[in-house]
Amino acid sequence: MIGGYVSASVLAASALAGVVIPQRVASALDTAFESARGRAEFRIVYATLAAVGVWALVIGDSEVFIAVGLLWLGAAAVRIAALLLDRPRPDRTYWAYLVLGVGLGLAGVLGSG
């Protein structure tokens, strides 16, 4: 279950950062806000992810940790698909976030039992 707690903790912490310091998180993700509404929507999406991570930590159930792991793996899969669809210029942080997503996804899915 340690892997599940790690996966959920990183989700909760990173998502809370997106709520509290959205400009810094957006900058790390090479994202810019075109309006105050864009920043608000960014916070809202990250608040949703934070709620899932915190809820997983409170519940502490292997099924919830698997769901968090699948969330990470889904994000990693879309990051790979985006290379073909959007053709971003991946820098070292892009690859680091991909590796982190796969690692935390596997930790949640495999380390939840």
PDB file of N, CA and C in Angstrom:
ATOM      1  N   MET A   1       0.812  -1.200   0.000  1.00  0.00           N
ATOM      2  CA  MET A   1       0.000   0.000   0.000  1.00  0.00           C
ATOM      3  C   MET A   1       0.857   1.267   0.000  1.00  0.00           C
ATOM      4  N   ILE A   2       2.141   1.117   0.281  1.00  0.00           N
ATOM      5  CA  ILE A   2       3.003   2.293   0.313  1.00  0.00           C
ATOM      6  C   ILE A   2       2.998   2.992  -1.040  1.00  0.00           C
ATOM      7  N   GLY A   3       3.054   2.222  -2.129  1.00  0.00           N
ATOM      8  CA  GLY A   3       3.036   2.820  -3.458  1.00  0.00           C
ATOM      9  C   GLY A   3       1.778   3.630  -3.698  1.00  0.00           C
ATOM     10  N   GLY A   4       0.658   3.130  -3.197  1.00  0.00           N
ATOM     11  CA  GLY A   4      -0.598   3.862  -3.344  1.00  0.00           C
ATOM     12  C   GLY A   4      -0.578   5.174  -2.587  1.00  0.00           C
ATOM     13  N   TYR A   5      -0.035   5.147  -1.381  1.00  0.00           N
ATOM     14  CA  TYR A   5       0.063   6.382  -0.595  1.00  0.00           C
ATOM     15  C   TYR A   5       1.001   7.391  -1.267  1.00  0.00           C
ATOM     16  N   VAL A   6       2.099   6.901  -1.836  1.00  0.00           N
ATOM     17  CA  VAL A   6       3.042   7.800  -2.522  1.00  0.00           C
ATOM     18  C   VAL A   6       2.368   8.429  -3.736  1.00  0.00           C
ATOM     19  N   SER A   7       1.715   7.593  -4.533  1.00  0.00           N
ATOM     20  CA  SER A   7       1.035   8.075  -5.736  1.00  0.00           C
ATOM     21  C   SER A   7      -0.027   9.126  -5.396  1.00  0.00           C
ATOM     22  N   ALA A   8      -0.845   8.846  -4.387  1.00  0.00           N
ATOM     23  CA  ALA A   8      -1.899   9.780  -3.979  1.00  0.00           C
ATOM     24  C   ALA A   8      -1.317  11.044  -3.353  1.00  0.00           C
ATOM     25  N   SER A   9      -0.245  10.906  -2.586  1.00  0.00           N
ATOM     26  CA  SER A   9       0.382  12.075  -1.955  1.00  0.00           C
ATOM     27  C   SER A   9       0.950  13.034  -2.982  1.00  0.00           C
ATOM     28  N   VAL A  10       1.620  12.498  -3.982  1.00  0.00           N
ATOM     29  CA  VAL A  10       2.193  13.366  -5.013  1.00  0.00           C
ATOM     30  C   VAL A  10       1.080  14.013  -5.823  1.00  0.00           C
ATOM     31  N   LEU A  11       0.018  13.264  -6.100  1.00  0.00           N
ATOM     32  CA  LEU A  11      -1.118  13.855  -6.807  1.00  0.00           C
ATOM     33  C   LEU A  11      -1.702  15.009  -5.999  1.00  0.00           C
ATOM     34  N   ALA A  12      -1.962  14.763  -4.720  1.00  0.00           N
ATOM     35  CA  ALA A  12      -2.553  15.802  -3.875  1.00  0.00           C
ATOM     36  C   ALA A  12      -1.636  17.027  -3.777  1.00  0.00           C
ATOM     37  N   ALA A  13      -0.358  16.800  -3.529  1.00  0.00           N
ATOM     38  CA  ALA A  13       0.577  17.917  -3.351  1.00  0.00           C
ATOM     39  C   ALA A  13       0.767  18.713  -4.639  1.00  0.00           C
ATOM     40  N   SER A  14       0.973  18.020  -5.746  1.00  0.00           N
ATOM     41  CA  SER A  14       1.195  18.744  -6.999  1.00  0.00           C
ATOM     42  C   SER A  14      -0.068  19.472  -7.445  1.00  0.00           C
ATOM     43  N   ALA A  15      -1.219  18.859  -7.218  1.00  0.00           N
ATOM     44  CA  ALA A  15      -2.468  19.516  -7.594  1.00  0.00           C
ATOM     45  C   ALA A  15      -2.761  20.714  -6.696  1.00  0.00           C
ATOM     46  N   LEU A  16      -2.469  20.599  -5.411  1.00  0.00           N
ATOM     47  CA  LEU A  16      -2.649  21.749  -4.524  1.00  0.00           C
ATOM     48  C   LEU A  16      -1.742  22.905  -4.948  1.00  0.00           C
ATOM     49  N   ALA A  17      -0.556  22.563  -5.429  1.00  0.00           N
ATOM     50  CA  ALA A  17       0.332  23.620  -5.938  1.00  0.00           C
ATOM     51  C   ALA A  17      -0.320  24.326  -7.120  1.00  0.00           C
ATOM     52  N   GLY A  18      -1.006  23.570  -7.969  1.00  0.00           N
ATOM     53  CA  GLY A  18      -1.701  24.183  -9.097  1.00  0.00           C
ATOM     54  C   GLY A  18      -2.819  25.114  -8.680  1.00  0.00           C
ATOM     55  N   VAL A  19      -3.383  24.867  -7.505  1.00  0.00           N
ATOM     56  CA  VAL A  19      -4.435  25.741  -6.970  1.00  0.00           C
ATOM     57  C   VAL A  19      -3.821  26.982  -6.319  1.00  0.00           C
ATOM     58  N   VAL A  20      -2.782  26.784  -5.520  1.00  0.00           N
ATOM     59  CA  VAL A  20      -2.211  27.859  -4.717  1.00  0.00           C
ATOM     60  C   VAL A  20      -1.248  28.747  -5.511  1.00  0.00           C
ATOM     61  N   ILE A  21      -0.427  28.138  -6.345  1.00  0.00           N
ATOM     62  CA  ILE A  21       0.555  28.898  -7.127  1.00  0.00           C
ATOM     63  C   ILE A  21       0.432  28.525  -8.615  1.00  0.00           C
ATOM     64  N   PRO A  22      -0.715  28.823  -9.201  1.00  0.00           N
ATOM     65  CA  PRO A  22      -0.954  28.387 -10.580  1.00  0.00           C
ATOM     66  C   PRO A  22       0.046  28.948 -11.591  1.00  0.00           C
ATOM     67  N   GLN A  23       0.516  30.159 -11.376  1.00  0.00           N
ATOM     68  CA  GLN A  23       1.450  30.766 -12.326  1.00  0.00           C
ATOM     69  C   GLN A  23       2.752  29.974 -12.380  1.00  0.00           C
ATOM     70  N   ARG A  24       3.254  29.562 -11.224  1.00  0.00           N
ATOM     71  CA  ARG A  24       4.509  28.795 -11.184  1.00  0.00           C
ATOM     72  C   ARG A  24       4.335  27.419 -11.783  1.00  0.00           C
ATOM     73  N   VAL A  25       3.208  26.774 -11.484  1.00  0.00           N
ATOM     74  CA  VAL A  25       2.952  25.444 -12.039  1.00  0.00           C
ATOM     75  C   VAL A  25       2.788  25.546 -13.555  1.00  0.00           C
ATOM     76  N   ALA A  26       2.044  26.523 -14.003  1.00  0.00           N
ATOM     77  CA  ALA A  26       1.847  26.709 -15.440  1.00  0.00           C
ATOM     78  C   ALA A  26       3.179  26.962 -16.135  1.00  0.00           C
ATOM     79  N   SER A  27       4.028  27.758 -15.530  1.00  0.00           N
ATOM     80  CA  SER A  27       5.336  28.039 -16.110  1.00  0.00           C
ATOM     81  C   SER A  27       6.167  26.756 -16.228  1.00  0.00           C
ATOM     82  N   ALA A  28       6.118  25.915 -15.207  1.00  0.00           N
ATOM     83  CA  ALA A  28       6.849  24.645 -15.241  1.00  0.00           C
ATOM     84  C   ALA A  28       6.320  23.737 -16.343  1.00  0.00           C
ATOM     85  N   LEU A  29       5.056  23.904 -16.700  1.00  0.00           N
ATOM     86  CA  LEU A  29       4.436  23.094 -17.748  1.00  0.00           C
ATOM     87  C   LEU A  29       4.434  23.802 -19.101  1.00  0.00           C
ATOM     88  N   ASP A  30       5.174  24.912 -19.206  1.00  0.00           N
ATOM     89  CA  ASP A  30       5.258  25.701 -20.436  1.00  0.00           C
ATOM     90  C   ASP A  30       3.871  26.128 -20.913  1.00  0.00           C
ATOM     91  N   THR A  31       3.070  26.575 -19.946  1.00  0.00           N
ATOM     92  CA  THR A  31       1.703  26.993 -20.219  1.00  0.00           C
ATOM     93  C   THR A  31       1.553  28.455 -19.813  1.00  0.00           C
ATOM     94  N   ALA A  32       0.837  29.206 -20.617  1.00  0.00           N
ATOM     95  CA  ALA A  32       0.593  30.615 -20.309  1.00  0.00           C
ATOM     96  C   ALA A  32      -0.903  30.866 -20.193  1.00  0.00           C
ATOM     97  N   PHE A  33      -1.271  31.766 -19.320  1.00  0.00           N
ATOM     98  CA  PHE A  33      -2.669  32.148 -19.172  1.00  0.00           C
ATOM     99  C   PHE A  33      -2.943  33.345 -20.058  1.00  0.00           C
ATOM    100  N   GLU A  34      -3.988  33.249 -20.851  1.00  0.00           N
ATOM    101  CA  GLU A  34      -4.355  34.371 -21.708  1.00  0.00           C
ATOM    102  C   GLU A  34      -5.348  35.297 -21.026  1.00  0.00           C
ATOM    103  N   SER A  35      -5.918  34.839 -19.905  1.00  0.00           N
ATOM    104  CA  SER A  35      -6.904  35.659 -19.212  1.00  0.00           C
ATOM    105  C   SER A  35      -7.016  35.198 -17.758  1.00  0.00           C
ATOM    106  N   ALA A  36      -7.674  36.024 -16.966  1.00  0.00           N
ATOM    107  CA  ALA A  36      -7.950  35.642 -15.578  1.00  0.00           C
ATOM    108  C   ALA A  36      -8.850  34.408 -15.546  1.00  0.00           C
ATOM    109  N   ARG A  37      -9.740  34.290 -16.507  1.00  0.00           N
ATOM    110  CA  ARG A  37     -10.611  33.113 -16.589  1.00  0.00           C
ATOM    111  C   ARG A  37      -9.775  31.853 -16.830  1.00  0.00           C
ATOM    112  N   GLY A  38      -8.760  31.954 -17.670  1.00  0.00           N
ATOM    113  CA  GLY A  38      -7.880  30.818 -17.915  1.00  0.00           C
ATOM    114  C   GLY A  38      -7.184  30.361 -16.643  1.00  0.00           C
ATOM    115  N   ARG A  39      -6.712  31.322 -15.849  1.00  0.00           N
ATOM    116  CA  ARG A  39      -6.067  30.994 -14.570  1.00  0.00           C
ATOM    117  C   ARG A  39      -7.077  30.360 -13.622  1.00  0.00           C
ATOM    118  N   ALA A  40      -8.302  30.879 -13.587  1.00  0.00           N
ATOM    119  CA  ALA A  40      -9.347  30.318 -12.726  1.00  0.00           C
ATOM    120  C   ALA A  40      -9.662  28.884 -13.127  1.00  0.00           C
ATOM    121  N   GLU A  41      -9.777  28.625 -14.428  1.00  0.00           N
ATOM    122  CA  GLU A  41     -10.079  27.268 -14.887  1.00  0.00           C
ATOM    123  C   GLU A  41      -8.944  26.306 -14.561  1.00  0.00           C
ATOM    124  N   PHE A  42      -7.709  26.789 -14.657  1.00  0.00           N
ATOM    125  CA  PHE A  42      -6.538  25.991 -14.290  1.00  0.00           C
ATOM    126  C   PHE A  42      -6.628  25.591 -12.820  1.00  0.00           C
ATOM    127  N   ARG A  43      -6.938  26.564 -11.965  1.00  0.00           N
ATOM    128  CA  ARG A  43      -7.101  26.275 -10.534  1.00  0.00           C
ATOM    129  C   ARG A  43      -8.209  25.249 -10.300  1.00  0.00           C
ATOM    130  N   ILE A  44      -9.309  25.392 -11.016  1.00  0.00           N
ATOM    131  CA  ILE A  44     -10.458  24.493 -10.834  1.00  0.00           C
ATOM    132  C   ILE A  44     -10.089  23.061 -11.205  1.00  0.00           C
ATOM    133  N   VAL A  45      -9.424  22.888 -12.325  1.00  0.00           N
ATOM    134  CA  VAL A  45      -9.012  21.539 -12.731  1.00  0.00           C
ATOM    135  C   VAL A  45      -8.056  20.944 -11.697  1.00  0.00           C
ATOM    136  N   TYR A  46      -7.116  21.741 -11.255  1.00  0.00           N
ATOM    137  CA  TYR A  46      -6.170  21.239 -10.258  1.00  0.00           C
ATOM    138  C   TYR A  46      -6.845  20.966  -8.913  1.00  0.00           C
ATOM    139  N   ALA A  47      -7.860  21.734  -8.568  1.00  0.00           N
ATOM    140  CA  ALA A  47      -8.604  21.466  -7.335  1.00  0.00           C
ATOM    141  C   ALA A  47      -9.298  20.108  -7.414  1.00  0.00           C
ATOM    142  N   THR A  48      -9.786  19.773  -8.585  1.00  0.00           N
ATOM    143  CA  THR A  48     -10.420  18.465  -8.776  1.00  0.00           C
ATOM    144  C   THR A  48      -9.413  17.346  -8.541  1.00  0.00           C
ATOM    145  N   LEU A  49      -8.242  17.494  -9.108  1.00  0.00           N
ATOM    146  CA  LEU A  49      -7.199  16.479  -8.917  1.00  0.00           C
ATOM    147  C   LEU A  49      -6.753  16.414  -7.454  1.00  0.00           C
ATOM    148  N   ALA A  50      -6.648  17.571  -6.818  1.00  0.00           N
ATOM    149  CA  ALA A  50      -6.265  17.594  -5.402  1.00  0.00           C
ATOM    150  C   ALA A  50      -7.299  16.859  -4.562  1.00  0.00           C
ATOM    151  N   ALA A  51      -8.563  17.063  -4.863  1.00  0.00           N
ATOM    152  CA  ALA A  51      -9.625  16.379  -4.112  1.00  0.00           C
ATOM    153  C   ALA A  51      -9.503  14.872  -4.250  1.00  0.00           C
ATOM    154  N   VAL A  52      -9.206  14.401  -5.433  1.00  0.00           N
ATOM    155  CA  VAL A  52      -9.045  12.953  -5.644  1.00  0.00           C
ATOM    156  C   VAL A  52      -7.858  12.437  -4.834  1.00  0.00           C
ATOM    157  N   GLY A  53      -6.741  13.147  -4.886  1.00  0.00           N
ATOM    158  CA  GLY A  53      -5.566  12.717  -4.135  1.00  0.00           C
ATOM    159  C   GLY A  53      -5.790  12.711  -2.632  1.00  0.00           C
ATOM    160  N   VAL A  54      -6.399  13.772  -2.119  1.00  0.00           N
ATOM    161  CA  VAL A  54      -6.669  13.852  -0.679  1.00  0.00           C
ATOM    162  C   VAL A  54      -7.667  12.770  -0.270  1.00  0.00           C
ATOM    163  N   TRP A  55      -8.703  12.592  -1.072  1.00  0.00           N
ATOM    164  CA  TRP A  55      -9.701  11.567  -0.769  1.00  0.00           C
ATOM    165  C   TRP A  55      -9.056  10.182  -0.714  1.00  0.00           C
ATOM    166  N   ALA A  56      -8.155   9.890  -1.644  1.00  0.00           N
ATOM    167  CA  ALA A  56      -7.463   8.603  -1.641  1.00  0.00           C
ATOM    168  C   ALA A  56      -6.651   8.423  -0.362  1.00  0.00           C
ATOM    169  N   LEU A  57      -6.007   9.497   0.088  1.00  0.00           N
ATOM    170  CA  LEU A  57      -5.219   9.406   1.322  1.00  0.00           C
ATOM    171  C   LEU A  57      -6.107   9.179   2.541  1.00  0.00           C
ATOM    172  N   VAL A  58      -7.261   9.832   2.562  1.00  0.00           N
ATOM    173  CA  VAL A  58      -8.185   9.681   3.695  1.00  0.00           C
ATOM    174  C   VAL A  58      -8.782   8.276   3.719  1.00  0.00           C
ATOM    175  N   ILE A  59      -9.219   7.799   2.559  1.00  0.00           N
ATOM    176  CA  ILE A  59      -9.846   6.475   2.471  1.00  0.00           C
ATOM    177  C   ILE A  59      -8.818   5.374   2.676  1.00  0.00           C
ATOM    178  N   GLY A  60      -7.657   5.493   2.045  1.00  0.00           N
ATOM    179  CA  GLY A  60      -6.585   4.522   2.219  1.00  0.00           C
ATOM    180  C   GLY A  60      -6.913   3.132   1.703  1.00  0.00           C
ATOM    181  N   ASP A  61      -7.777   3.037   0.707  1.00  0.00           N
ATOM    182  CA  ASP A  61      -8.222   1.748   0.186  1.00  0.00           C
ATOM    183  C   ASP A  61      -7.470   1.412  -1.098  1.00  0.00           C
ATOM    184  N   SER A  62      -7.159   0.149  -1.298  1.00  0.00           N
ATOM    185  CA  SER A  62      -6.387  -0.248  -2.472  1.00  0.00           C
ATOM    186  C   SER A  62      -7.116   0.067  -3.772  1.00  0.00           C
ATOM    187  N   GLU A  63      -8.434  -0.039  -3.792  1.00  0.00           N
ATOM    188  CA  GLU A  63      -9.185   0.268  -5.011  1.00  0.00           C
ATOM    189  C   GLU A  63      -9.056   1.750  -5.384  1.00  0.00           C
ATOM    190  N   VAL A  64      -9.042   2.591  -4.393  1.00  0.00           N
ATOM    191  CA  VAL A  64      -8.881   4.028  -4.643  1.00  0.00           C
ATOM    192  C   VAL A  64      -7.460   4.309  -5.138  1.00  0.00           C
ATOM    193  N   PHE A  65      -6.477   3.648  -4.562  1.00  0.00           N
ATOM    194  CA  PHE A  65      -5.098   3.827  -5.010  1.00  0.00           C
ATOM    195  C   PHE A  65      -4.929   3.354  -6.456  1.00  0.00           C
ATOM    196  N   ILE A  66      -5.625   2.282  -6.825  1.00  0.00           N
ATOM    197  CA  ILE A  66      -5.585   1.824  -8.213  1.00  0.00           C
ATOM    198  C   ILE A  66      -6.168   2.895  -9.129  1.00  0.00           C
ATOM    199  N   ALA A  67      -7.267   3.496  -8.701  1.00  0.00           N
ATOM    200  CA  ALA A  67      -7.871   4.572  -9.506  1.00  0.00           C
ATOM    201  C   ALA A  67      -6.904   5.741  -9.677  1.00  0.00           C
ATOM    202  N   VAL A  68      -6.203   6.115  -8.618  1.00  0.00           N
ATOM    203  CA  VAL A  68      -5.220   7.200  -8.713  1.00  0.00           C
ATOM    204  C   VAL A  68      -4.087   6.784  -9.649  1.00  0.00           C
ATOM    205  N   GLY A  69      -3.652   5.538  -9.534  1.00  0.00           N
ATOM    206  CA  GLY A  69      -2.615   5.049 -10.436  1.00  0.00           C
ATOM    207  C   GLY A  69      -3.058   5.098 -11.888  1.00  0.00           C
ATOM    208  N   LEU A  70      -4.302   4.732 -12.139  1.00  0.00           N
ATOM    209  CA  LEU A  70      -4.828   4.794 -13.501  1.00  0.00           C
ATOM    210  C   LEU A  70      -4.924   6.229 -13.997  1.00  0.00           C
ATOM    211  N   LEU A  71      -5.214   7.144 -13.093  1.00  0.00           N
ATOM    212  CA  LEU A  71      -5.233   8.562 -13.465  1.00  0.00           C
ATOM    213  C   LEU A  71      -3.848   8.980 -13.962  1.00  0.00           C
ATOM    214  N   TRP A  72      -2.804   8.608 -13.211  1.00  0.00           N
ATOM    215  CA  TRP A  72      -1.436   8.935 -13.613  1.00  0.00           C
ATOM    216  C   TRP A  72      -1.080   8.280 -14.941  1.00  0.00           C
ATOM    217  N   LEU A  73      -1.449   6.999 -15.113  1.00  0.00           N
ATOM    218  CA  LEU A  73      -1.124   6.295 -16.345  1.00  0.00           C
ATOM    219  C   LEU A  73      -1.873   6.889 -17.537  1.00  0.00           C
ATOM    220  N   GLY A  74      -3.111   7.310 -17.299  1.00  0.00           N
ATOM    221  CA  GLY A  74      -3.869   7.971 -18.364  1.00  0.00           C
ATOM    222  C   GLY A  74      -3.206   9.263 -18.794  1.00  0.00           C
ATOM    223  N   ALA A  75      -2.747  10.033 -17.826  1.00  0.00           N
ATOM    224  CA  ALA A  75      -2.046  11.283 -18.151  1.00  0.00           C
ATOM    225  C   ALA A  75      -0.764  10.991 -18.927  1.00  0.00           C
ATOM    226  N   ALA A  76      -0.044   9.954 -18.533  1.00  0.00           N
ATOM    227  CA  ALA A  76       1.187   9.587 -19.246  1.00  0.00           C
ATOM    228  C   ALA A  76       0.869   9.154 -20.672  1.00  0.00           C
ATOM    229  N   ALA A  77      -0.207   8.400 -20.853  1.00  0.00           N
ATOM    230  CA  ALA A  77      -0.597   7.960 -22.196  1.00  0.00           C
ATOM    231  C   ALA A  77      -0.941   9.147 -23.088  1.00  0.00           C
ATOM    232  N   VAL A  78      -1.644  10.116 -22.538  1.00  0.00           N
ATOM    233  CA  VAL A  78      -1.990  11.305 -23.328  1.00  0.00           C
ATOM    234  C   VAL A  78      -0.746  12.140 -23.600  1.00  0.00           C
ATOM    235  N   ARG A  79       0.190  12.153 -22.679  1.00  0.00           N
ATOM    236  CA  ARG A  79       1.450  12.877 -22.920  1.00  0.00           C
ATOM    237  C   ARG A  79       2.179  12.261 -24.112  1.00  0.00           C
ATOM    238  N   ILE A  80       2.146  10.933 -24.221  1.00  0.00           N
ATOM    239  CA  ILE A  80       2.763  10.254 -25.365  1.00  0.00           C
ATOM    240  C   ILE A  80       1.968  10.561 -26.641  1.00  0.00           C
ATOM    241  N   ALA A  81       0.648  10.448 -26.567  1.00  0.00           N
ATOM    242  CA  ALA A  81      -0.194  10.730 -27.736  1.00  0.00           C
ATOM    243  C   ALA A  81      -0.020  12.173 -28.207  1.00  0.00           C
ATOM    244  N   ALA A  82       0.158  13.083 -27.259  1.00  0.00           N
ATOM    245  CA  ALA A  82       0.328  14.500 -27.614  1.00  0.00           C
ATOM    246  C   ALA A  82       1.568  14.724 -28.467  1.00  0.00           C
ATOM    247  N   LEU A  83       2.574  13.870 -28.315  1.00  0.00           N
ATOM    248  CA  LEU A  83       3.765  13.995 -29.160  1.00  0.00           C
ATOM    249  C   LEU A  83       3.394  13.851 -30.636  1.00  0.00           C
ATOM    250  N   LEU A  84       2.430  12.990 -30.933  1.00  0.00           N
ATOM    251  CA  LEU A  84       1.974  12.797 -32.309  1.00  0.00           C
ATOM    252  C   LEU A  84       0.907  13.803 -32.713  1.00  0.00           C
ATOM    253  N   LEU A  85      -0.001  14.086 -31.795  1.00  0.00           N
ATOM    254  CA  LEU A  85      -1.134  14.955 -32.115  1.00  0.00           C
ATOM    255  C   LEU A  85      -0.778  16.438 -32.140  1.00  0.00           C
ATOM    256  N   ASP A  86      -0.056  16.881 -31.130  1.00  0.00           N
ATOM    257  CA  ASP A  86       0.231  18.308 -30.969  1.00  0.00           C
ATOM    258  C   ASP A  86       1.652  18.691 -31.356  1.00  0.00           C
ATOM    259  N   ARG A  87       2.513  17.701 -31.388  1.00  0.00           N
ATOM    260  CA  ARG A  87       3.919  17.903 -31.733  1.00  0.00           C
ATOM    261  C   ARG A  87       4.619  18.980 -30.894  1.00  0.00           C
ATOM    262  N   PRO A  88       4.488  18.881 -29.563  1.00  0.00           N
ATOM    263  CA  PRO A  88       5.235  19.836 -28.748  1.00  0.00           C
ATOM    264  C   PRO A  88       6.726  19.524 -28.860  1.00  0.00           C
ATOM    265  N   ARG A  89       7.527  20.519 -28.601  1.00  0.00           N
ATOM    266  CA  ARG A  89       8.966  20.261 -28.554  1.00  0.00           C
ATOM    267  C   ARG A  89       9.272  19.792 -27.141  1.00  0.00           C
ATOM    268  N   PRO A  90       9.445  18.486 -26.950  1.00  0.00           N
ATOM    269  CA  PRO A  90       9.636  17.985 -25.583  1.00  0.00           C
ATOM    270  C   PRO A  90      11.029  18.320 -25.056  1.00  0.00           C
ATOM    271  N   ASP A  91      11.039  18.996 -23.928  1.00  0.00           N
ATOM    272  CA  ASP A  91      12.309  19.282 -23.274  1.00  0.00           C
ATOM    273  C   ASP A  91      12.493  18.260 -22.153  1.00  0.00           C
ATOM    274  N   ARG A  92      13.505  18.461 -21.355  1.00  0.00           N
ATOM    275  CA  ARG A  92      13.783  17.470 -20.301  1.00  0.00           C
ATOM    276  C   ARG A  92      12.656  17.400 -19.279  1.00  0.00           C
ATOM    277  N   THR A  93      11.946  18.505 -19.039  1.00  0.00           N
ATOM    278  CA  THR A  93      10.839  18.435 -18.083  1.00  0.00           C
ATOM    279  C   THR A  93       9.675  17.627 -18.652  1.00  0.00           C
ATOM    280  N   TYR A  94       9.446  17.707 -19.948  1.00  0.00           N
ATOM    281  CA  TYR A  94       8.379  16.912 -20.571  1.00  0.00           C
ATOM    282  C   TYR A  94       8.644  15.427 -20.334  1.00  0.00           C
ATOM    283  N   TRP A  95       9.876  15.006 -20.593  1.00  0.00           N
ATOM    284  CA  TRP A  95      10.238  13.603 -20.388  1.00  0.00           C
ATOM    285  C   TRP A  95      10.211  13.243 -18.908  1.00  0.00           C
ATOM    286  N   ALA A  96      10.644  14.154 -18.066  1.00  0.00           N
ATOM    287  CA  ALA A  96      10.624  13.884 -16.619  1.00  0.00           C
ATOM    288  C   ALA A  96       9.193  13.687 -16.128  1.00  0.00           C
ATOM    289  N   TYR A  97       8.263  14.521 -16.601  1.00  0.00           N
ATOM    290  CA  TYR A  97       6.864  14.374 -16.193  1.00  0.00           C
ATOM    291  C   TYR A  97       6.273  13.077 -16.739  1.00  0.00           C
ATOM    292  N   LEU A  98       6.726  12.656 -17.920  1.00  0.00           N
ATOM    293  CA  LEU A  98       6.264  11.372 -18.460  1.00  0.00           C
ATOM    294  C   LEU A  98       6.746  10.222 -17.576  1.00  0.00           C
ATOM    295  N   VAL A  99       8.025  10.225 -17.250  1.00  0.00           N
ATOM    296  CA  VAL A  99       8.579   9.175 -16.390  1.00  0.00           C
ATOM    297  C   VAL A  99       7.904   9.202 -15.020  1.00  0.00           C
ATOM    298  N   LEU A 100       7.707  10.383 -14.475  1.00  0.00           N
ATOM    299  CA  LEU A 100       7.037  10.510 -13.179  1.00  0.00           C
ATOM    300  C   LEU A 100       5.614   9.946 -13.249  1.00  0.00           C
ATOM    301  N   GLY A 101       4.890  10.268 -14.316  1.00  0.00           N
ATOM    302  CA  GLY A 101       3.529   9.771 -14.463  1.00  0.00           C
ATOM    303  C   GLY A 101       3.469   8.255 -14.549  1.00  0.00           C
ATOM    304  N   VAL A 102       4.367   7.675 -15.318  1.00  0.00           N
ATOM    305  CA  VAL A 102       4.405   6.211 -15.429  1.00  0.00           C
ATOM    306  C   VAL A 102       4.784   5.601 -14.081  1.00  0.00           C
ATOM    307  N   GLY A 103       5.803   6.162 -13.446  1.00  0.00           N
ATOM    308  CA  GLY A 103       6.241   5.617 -12.157  1.00  0.00           C
ATOM    309  C   GLY A 103       5.172   5.699 -11.086  1.00  0.00           C
ATOM    310  N   LEU A 104       4.525   6.866 -10.978  1.00  0.00           N
ATOM    311  CA  LEU A 104       3.471   7.020  -9.967  1.00  0.00           C
ATOM    312  C   LEU A 104       2.235   6.208 -10.327  1.00  0.00           C
ATOM    313  N   GLY A 105       1.994   6.050 -11.621  1.00  0.00           N
ATOM    314  CA  GLY A 105       0.874   5.210 -12.041  1.00  0.00           C
ATOM    315  C   GLY A 105       1.097   3.762 -11.657  1.00  0.00           C
ATOM    316  N   LEU A 106       2.278   3.266 -11.933  1.00  0.00           N
ATOM    317  CA  LEU A 106       2.596   1.879 -11.566  1.00  0.00           C
ATOM    318  C   LEU A 106       2.622   1.715 -10.047  1.00  0.00           C
ATOM    319  N   ALA A 107       3.113   2.726  -9.337  1.00  0.00           N
ATOM    320  CA  ALA A 107       3.117   2.657  -7.873  1.00  0.00           C
ATOM    321  C   ALA A 107       1.702   2.546  -7.342  1.00  0.00           C
ATOM    322  N   GLY A 108       0.780   3.313  -7.915  1.00  0.00           N
ATOM    323  CA  GLY A 108      -0.602   3.262  -7.472  1.00  0.00           C
ATOM    324  C   GLY A 108      -1.281   1.957  -7.806  1.00  0.00           C
ATOM    325  N   VAL A 109      -1.054   1.474  -9.018  1.00  0.00           N
ATOM    326  CA  VAL A 109      -1.725   0.252  -9.466  1.00  0.00           C
ATOM    327  C   VAL A 109      -1.094  -1.001  -8.839  1.00  0.00           C
ATOM    328  N   LEU A 110       0.220  -1.083  -8.867  1.00  0.00           N
ATOM    329  CA  LEU A 110       0.894  -2.299  -8.389  1.00  0.00           C
ATOM    330  C   LEU A 110       1.185  -2.257  -6.893  1.00  0.00           C
ATOM    331  N   GLY A 111       1.335  -1.063  -6.351  1.00  0.00           N
ATOM    332  CA  GLY A 111       1.701  -0.953  -4.939  1.00  0.00           C
ATOM    333  C   GLY A 111       0.525  -0.723  -4.036  1.00  0.00           C
ATOM    334  N   SER A 112      -0.649  -1.105  -4.480  1.00  0.00           N
ATOM    335  CA  SER A 112      -1.839  -0.816  -3.687  1.00  0.00           C
ATOM    336  C   SER A 112      -2.311  -2.015  -2.859  1.00  0.00           C
ATOM    337  N   GLY A 113      -1.713  -3.136  -3.075  1.00  0.00           N
ATOM    338  CA  GLY A 113      -2.203  -4.342  -2.395  1.00  0.00           C
ATOM    339  C   GLY A 113      -1.519  -4.656  -1.120  1.00  0.00           C
TER     340      GLY A 113
END
